[in-house]
Each structure stands twice: as structure tokens, then as C-alpha cells.
Amino acid sequence: MKLPNKKLLVASLLMALSVNTLASTDSEIDKITTDIKNTELSALSGVLKSTNTKEMIAKAESMGLTPVEAVQAAAWLLTLEDWVKYKAIMKLTPRGNWSKDIDPVTALGVEATTEEERKRYATISLQLEAKRIEKEVAFEKTRQQVAKGMFGDMPVVTPVNEREDAEFSSFVALFAHKNCNKSCEEYVKGVLRSTPKGAKLDIYVVGASSDEEVYALGSQVGVDQSLIESGKITVNYDAGKSMKLGLKKIPARIVVGADGKIKNEDYPYIGK
């Protein structure tokens, strides 16, 4: 986002946040402005509100980090030390070439050298995932309410078979390998049977590299096509999600309530 009057916008942001000691001179404002010139102010302000900004930025600069990087670390629930380590991983190790688009928490998790570190980063990853789902569910509910007020009973987008969008009581993430053996198949079928009627089930095929492999698993375990068409079940590429969540065994299941809280299912780090 382009900032037309940089000093004015930064000053306005600081006033809105009631941060009176963040920048007391023009040179300090200029420095911060340069760092945030392409940063969304609304997102930045949301993080700064919950952060001791002056101390955070001073410590960040002493570690060779910019104010924006300090805010980014806080947004990812990471420490400044974590962010320095993340930058080193992406710049100095093969991970930077292997996974150019990897997020900071996953990069730190997969490159962790101890089980304690892996557990910490995996827990952060799930906390972020739960918050993401909570926000998206809340937004979708509001969107449906606004749509109803604007258009009445007429759907904004005509769904498949004129179905109505469902409001789900919970969300189930099921992970299974593309080469799903008999015990794996029984596990997946058990999840299909036990998933509550009001829940949404997202199946992630680990190791799949083609649509055929994704579809094959759905066919193998007998996923009802009508449930896919209704949006109650999806079958997807894993795309590294199981690794990001730190799952030690596949198949596995994680259940997230409509409130965004993660229930302790097969995830190894929650409630242990």
C-alpha cells in the first residue's frame, strides 16, 4: 500500500494507539516510516496495541532487526530470537531453497534440533491455525447475515444443486497417506462414520502429487459424492500441512470447534 503523506500517517497511527514515547523526533519517525512504507497500517496497529512497542523496537534494533520485523515476529507469536533464527535458516541453509514460501513457524519447526523446540513451534502453529479458523468462521457468519439483509432469501452465489451454505458445529481435519493400507482405510472409514452430522470434514492426502491420487483416496474409502457436492466433505492435497502441524503418525485427526478451540484428538501436543 502506498503512503502518500508518510509522516502524517505514522503520526496518526501512533496517536490512535496512544503510544506517546515511540518516536519523539523527526529522524525516528522517518526511520520507522521507511520500514513500514509498504505495510498495511490496520494490520500493524492491531499487533502494536498488544505490544510494549518502545522496548520491543529498541531490542529489535540491538539484534539487527527492523521495527517491521519486530512486529512480524509478534504477529507470528514468535520471539525476536526466533525471528533472527528464522532469517538465518532461510538465508544460510538449504531450507531457503527447498521451501521458499514456507511460513516462519513451520521453517523453525522443521529445522528444530530438539523435541522440545518442535513441540513449542507445533503448538504455536496450531494456535495460529485455530485463530485463523475462528476469524474466518466469524466473518462468514457475518457475511451471511449481511447478505440476507441485502438480498433476502436469494443466495449471493447459487450453490451446487441449489443447496444452502451450511453453518458447521465443528471442523474435522483428517490426514491420510496416498498409499492408504488396510489399517489406514479402516481408520479413515471410522472417522467418516463418527464425524457428527453438523461437522465439516476436510480430508488431506499426504504425499499426493496429482489430482488422480487425491481422488483415488476418496474413492478407496467410499466418500459420498453428495457430501462433497454439499460442501460437508472436501478432499485436498496435504501440501505440507501435516508437517506444519507436527503430526507424528498418519493417519490422524484434529477437531476444531466452531469457537476455534482445538480439541485433543490425535494431535500429539495439545493437552499433554
Protein backbone atom coordinates (compact mmCIF):
# COMPACT_ATOMS: atom_id res chain seq x y z
CA MET A 1 0.00 0.00 0.00
CA LYS A 2 1.41 3.43 -0.94
CA LEU A 3 1.52 6.01 1.85
CA PRO A 4 1.02 9.50 0.34
CA ASN A 5 1.93 11.54 3.44
CA LYS A 6 4.21 9.26 5.39
CA LYS A 7 4.90 11.39 8.45
CA LEU A 8 1.24 12.27 8.87
CA LEU A 9 0.07 8.66 8.62
CA VAL A 10 2.70 7.36 11.04
CA ALA A 11 1.91 10.14 13.50
CA SER A 12 -1.82 9.36 13.21
CA LEU A 13 -1.17 5.67 13.84
CA LEU A 14 0.87 6.42 16.97
CA MET A 15 -1.84 8.76 18.26
CA ALA A 16 -4.54 6.15 17.70
CA LEU A 17 -2.51 3.61 19.63
CA SER A 18 -1.78 6.06 22.46
CA VAL A 19 1.94 5.36 22.08
CA ASN A 20 3.38 8.69 23.19
CA THR A 21 7.00 7.63 23.51
CA LEU A 22 7.56 5.56 20.40
CA ALA A 23 9.05 8.32 18.25
CA SER A 24 9.96 11.70 19.70
CA THR A 25 11.96 13.14 16.83
CA ASP A 26 11.55 13.59 13.11
CA SER A 27 14.52 11.30 12.45
CA GLU A 28 12.91 8.48 14.45
CA ILE A 29 9.62 8.93 12.57
CA ASP A 30 11.48 8.92 9.25
CA LYS A 31 13.22 5.67 10.16
CA ILE A 32 10.00 3.92 11.15
CA THR A 33 8.20 5.31 8.09
CA THR A 34 10.83 3.87 5.77
CA ASP A 35 10.43 0.45 7.35
CA ILE A 36 6.62 0.39 7.11
CA LYS A 37 6.07 2.14 3.79
CA ASN A 38 4.51 -0.95 2.21
CA THR A 39 2.88 -2.35 5.38
CA GLU A 40 -0.88 -2.35 5.91
CA LEU A 41 -1.45 0.14 8.72
CA SER A 42 -4.54 -1.61 10.01
CA ALA A 43 -2.72 -4.92 10.44
CA LEU A 44 0.26 -3.18 12.01
CA SER A 45 -1.87 -1.29 14.53
CA GLY A 46 -3.58 -4.49 15.64
CA VAL A 47 -0.28 -6.02 16.65
CA LEU A 48 1.15 -2.87 18.21
CA LYS A 49 -1.82 -2.49 20.53
CA SER A 50 -0.78 -5.61 22.44
CA THR A 51 2.95 -4.93 22.44
CA ASN A 52 5.29 -2.79 24.51
CA THR A 53 6.34 -1.05 21.34
CA LYS A 54 9.20 1.13 22.50
CA GLU A 55 11.05 -1.67 24.31
CA MET A 56 10.32 -4.15 21.51
CA ILE A 57 11.73 -1.89 18.78
CA ALA A 58 14.81 -0.95 20.85
CA LYS A 59 15.60 -4.61 21.47
CA ALA A 60 14.95 -5.48 17.82
CA GLU A 61 17.36 -2.83 16.60
CA SER A 62 20.04 -4.08 19.00
CA MET A 63 19.65 -7.51 17.36
CA GLY A 64 19.85 -6.16 13.81
CA LEU A 65 16.12 -6.34 13.15
CA THR A 66 13.86 -3.58 11.81
CA PRO A 67 10.73 -2.36 13.61
CA VAL A 68 8.59 -4.09 11.00
CA GLU A 69 10.39 -7.39 11.60
CA ALA A 70 9.70 -6.99 15.33
CA VAL A 71 6.01 -6.54 14.60
CA GLN A 72 6.05 -9.53 12.24
CA ALA A 73 7.58 -11.71 14.94
CA ALA A 74 4.87 -10.68 17.40
CA ALA A 75 2.16 -11.37 14.81
CA TRP A 76 3.51 -14.93 14.38
CA LEU A 77 3.66 -15.40 18.20
CA LEU A 78 7.44 -15.63 17.96
CA THR A 79 10.21 -14.01 19.96
CA LEU A 80 12.80 -11.72 18.43
CA GLU A 81 15.34 -14.51 18.92
CA ASP A 82 13.07 -16.79 16.91
CA TRP A 83 12.95 -14.24 14.10
CA VAL A 84 16.74 -13.95 13.95
CA LYS A 85 16.93 -17.76 13.75
CA TYR A 86 14.23 -17.85 11.05
CA LYS A 87 16.13 -15.32 8.92
CA ALA A 88 19.32 -17.35 9.28
CA ILE A 89 17.53 -20.56 8.27
CA MET A 90 16.09 -19.01 5.13
CA LYS A 91 19.32 -17.27 4.13
CA LEU A 92 22.03 -19.75 5.13
CA THR A 93 20.58 -23.26 4.98
CA PRO A 94 19.15 -25.46 2.20
CA ARG A 95 15.66 -24.85 3.61
CA GLY A 96 15.72 -21.44 1.98
CA ASN A 97 15.94 -23.13 -1.43
CA TRP A 98 13.78 -26.14 -0.66
CA SER A 99 10.84 -24.18 0.73
CA LYS A 100 10.94 -20.60 -0.49
CA ASP A 101 7.35 -19.88 0.55
CA ILE A 102 7.41 -21.65 3.92
CA ASP A 103 5.98 -19.67 6.82
CA PRO A 104 8.25 -18.69 9.74
CA VAL A 105 6.77 -21.08 12.33
CA THR A 106 6.96 -24.10 10.04
CA ALA A 107 10.51 -23.23 9.00
CA LEU A 108 11.58 -23.08 12.64
CA GLY A 109 9.67 -26.26 13.47
CA VAL A 110 11.07 -28.47 10.72
CA GLU A 111 14.60 -27.20 11.36
CA ALA A 112 14.34 -27.57 15.15
CA THR A 113 17.03 -29.78 16.70
CA THR A 114 15.21 -30.89 19.85
CA GLU A 115 11.79 -32.37 20.57
CA GLU A 116 11.11 -29.52 23.00
CA GLU A 117 11.63 -26.97 20.22
CA ARG A 118 9.46 -28.94 17.79
CA LYS A 119 6.71 -29.15 20.40
CA ARG A 120 6.82 -25.40 21.01
CA TYR A 121 6.67 -24.43 17.34
CA ALA A 122 4.00 -27.02 16.59
CA THR A 123 1.84 -25.63 19.41
CA ILE A 124 2.28 -22.08 18.07
CA SER A 125 1.33 -23.32 14.61
CA LEU A 126 -1.91 -24.82 15.88
CA GLN A 127 -2.73 -21.73 17.91
CA LEU A 128 -2.39 -19.63 14.76
CA GLU A 129 -4.43 -22.14 12.75
CA ALA A 130 -7.20 -22.10 15.37
CA LYS A 131 -7.28 -18.30 15.36
CA ARG A 132 -7.42 -18.27 11.54
CA ILE A 133 -10.39 -20.64 11.52
CA GLU A 134 -12.12 -18.66 14.27
CA LYS A 135 -11.78 -15.42 12.30
CA GLU A 136 -12.93 -16.98 9.03
CA VAL A 137 -15.95 -18.61 10.65
CA ALA A 138 -16.91 -15.32 12.32
CA PHE A 139 -16.52 -13.42 9.04
CA GLU A 140 -18.57 -15.95 7.08
CA LYS A 141 -21.39 -15.80 9.63
CA THR A 142 -21.43 -12.00 9.41
CA ARG A 143 -21.25 -12.16 5.61
CA GLN A 144 -24.30 -14.42 5.50
CA GLN A 145 -26.20 -12.08 7.86
CA VAL A 146 -25.34 -9.05 5.72
CA ALA A 147 -26.25 -10.94 2.53
CA LYS A 148 -29.62 -11.87 3.99
CA GLY A 149 -30.29 -8.24 4.86
CA MET A 150 -29.30 -7.08 1.37
CA PHE A 151 -30.78 -9.83 -0.78
CA GLY A 152 -33.33 -11.60 1.41
CA ASP A 153 -33.51 -15.31 0.70
CA MET A 154 -31.79 -15.00 -2.66
CA PRO A 155 -28.32 -16.64 -2.42
CA VAL A 156 -25.32 -14.45 -3.23
CA VAL A 157 -23.84 -17.33 -5.22
CA THR A 158 -26.05 -20.14 -6.48
CA PRO A 159 -24.64 -23.29 -4.84
CA VAL A 160 -24.42 -26.72 -6.42
CA ASN A 161 -27.90 -28.27 -6.62
CA GLU A 162 -29.32 -25.03 -5.16
CA ARG A 163 -28.05 -26.02 -1.73
CA GLU A 164 -27.80 -23.52 1.10
CA ASP A 165 -24.43 -22.82 2.70
CA ALA A 166 -24.18 -24.78 5.94
CA GLU A 167 -23.15 -23.45 9.31
CA PHE A 168 -20.97 -26.12 10.86
CA SER A 169 -20.79 -27.07 14.53
CA SER A 170 -17.16 -28.15 14.24
CA PHE A 171 -14.38 -28.77 11.74
CA VAL A 172 -12.54 -32.06 11.37
CA ALA A 173 -9.18 -32.33 9.61
CA LEU A 174 -8.34 -35.89 8.61
CA PHE A 175 -4.86 -36.76 7.32
CA ALA A 176 -4.21 -39.99 5.39
CA HIS A 177 -1.36 -41.11 3.16
CA LYS A 178 -1.96 -41.57 -0.56
CA ASN A 179 -0.85 -45.20 -0.14
CA CYS A 180 -3.53 -45.94 2.44
CA ASN A 181 -3.20 -49.57 3.62
CA LYS A 182 -5.93 -51.66 5.23
CA SER A 183 -5.48 -50.29 8.76
CA CYS A 184 -5.36 -46.75 7.36
CA GLU A 185 -8.51 -47.39 5.37
CA GLU A 186 -10.33 -48.69 8.44
CA TYR A 187 -9.24 -45.61 10.40
CA VAL A 188 -10.48 -43.22 7.71
CA LYS A 189 -13.79 -45.04 7.36
CA GLY A 190 -14.16 -44.88 11.14
CA VAL A 191 -13.70 -41.12 11.06
CA LEU A 192 -16.24 -40.83 8.24
CA ARG A 193 -18.76 -42.77 10.33
CA SER A 194 -18.10 -40.93 13.58
CA THR A 195 -17.95 -37.36 12.28
CA PRO A 196 -21.03 -35.54 13.63
CA LYS A 197 -23.76 -34.61 11.18
CA GLY A 198 -23.21 -30.89 11.70
CA ALA A 199 -19.43 -31.01 11.25
CA LYS A 200 -17.35 -30.19 8.18
CA LEU A 201 -14.74 -32.81 7.27
CA ASP A 202 -11.61 -31.84 5.34
CA ILE A 203 -9.54 -34.81 4.18
CA TYR A 204 -5.86 -34.14 3.37
CA VAL A 205 -3.99 -36.67 1.24
CA VAL A 206 -0.37 -36.81 2.38
CA GLY A 207 2.18 -37.39 -0.38
CA ALA A 208 -0.29 -36.81 -3.22
CA SER A 209 1.25 -35.18 -6.28
CA SER A 210 -1.69 -35.36 -8.70
CA ASP A 211 -5.45 -34.92 -8.70
CA GLU A 212 -5.80 -38.61 -9.54
CA GLU A 213 -4.06 -39.60 -6.29
CA VAL A 214 -6.31 -37.26 -4.30
CA TYR A 215 -9.47 -38.60 -5.95
CA ALA A 216 -8.27 -42.20 -5.58
CA LEU A 217 -8.20 -42.00 -1.79
CA GLY A 218 -11.70 -40.56 -1.68
CA SER A 219 -12.91 -43.39 -3.86
CA GLN A 220 -11.00 -46.01 -1.86
CA VAL A 221 -12.62 -45.08 1.45
CA GLY A 222 -16.06 -44.54 -0.08
CA VAL A 223 -16.56 -40.81 0.36
CA ASP A 224 -20.15 -39.95 -0.53
CA GLN A 225 -20.07 -37.70 -3.61
CA SER A 226 -23.23 -35.92 -2.49
CA LEU A 227 -21.45 -34.82 0.70
CA ILE A 228 -18.64 -33.37 -1.41
CA GLU A 229 -21.16 -31.53 -3.58
CA SER A 230 -22.89 -30.17 -0.48
CA GLY A 231 -19.58 -28.87 0.88
CA LYS A 232 -19.70 -31.03 4.02
CA ILE A 233 -16.62 -33.00 2.91
CA THR A 234 -13.59 -31.85 0.93
CA VAL A 235 -10.66 -33.95 -0.31
CA ASN A 236 -7.44 -31.98 -0.66
CA TYR A 237 -3.69 -32.07 -1.16
CA ASP A 238 -1.89 -32.11 2.18
CA ALA A 239 0.67 -29.59 0.80
CA GLY A 240 2.83 -29.85 3.91
CA LYS A 241 0.03 -29.16 6.39
CA SER A 242 0.64 -32.37 8.38
CA MET A 243 4.31 -31.46 8.71
CA LYS A 244 3.38 -27.94 9.75
CA LEU A 245 1.15 -29.32 12.50
CA GLY A 246 3.89 -31.66 13.71
CA LEU A 247 1.85 -34.84 13.28
CA LYS A 248 3.96 -37.85 14.20
CA LYS A 249 1.62 -40.52 12.88
CA ILE A 250 -0.53 -40.72 9.77
CA PRO A 251 -3.50 -41.24 9.60
CA ALA A 252 -4.50 -38.64 12.17
CA ARG A 253 -7.45 -36.46 13.05
CA ILE A 254 -7.78 -32.99 14.55
CA VAL A 255 -11.09 -31.47 15.58
CA VAL A 256 -11.65 -27.71 15.87
CA GLY A 257 -14.87 -26.40 17.40
CA ALA A 258 -16.88 -23.60 15.83
CA ASP A 259 -15.39 -21.37 18.54
CA GLY A 260 -11.92 -22.01 17.11
CA LYS A 261 -10.76 -24.11 20.06
CA ILE A 262 -8.79 -27.24 19.23
CA LYS A 263 -9.89 -30.46 20.84
CA ASN A 264 -7.36 -33.10 21.82
CA GLU A 265 -7.82 -35.80 19.25
CA ASP A 266 -4.77 -37.37 17.59
CA TYR A 267 -2.68 -34.22 17.78
CA PRO A 268 0.33 -35.06 19.99
CA TYR A 269 0.94 -31.67 21.59
CA ILE A 270 -2.45 -30.42 22.77
CA GLY A 271 -3.35 -31.13 26.38
CA LYS A 272 -0.28 -33.22 27.11
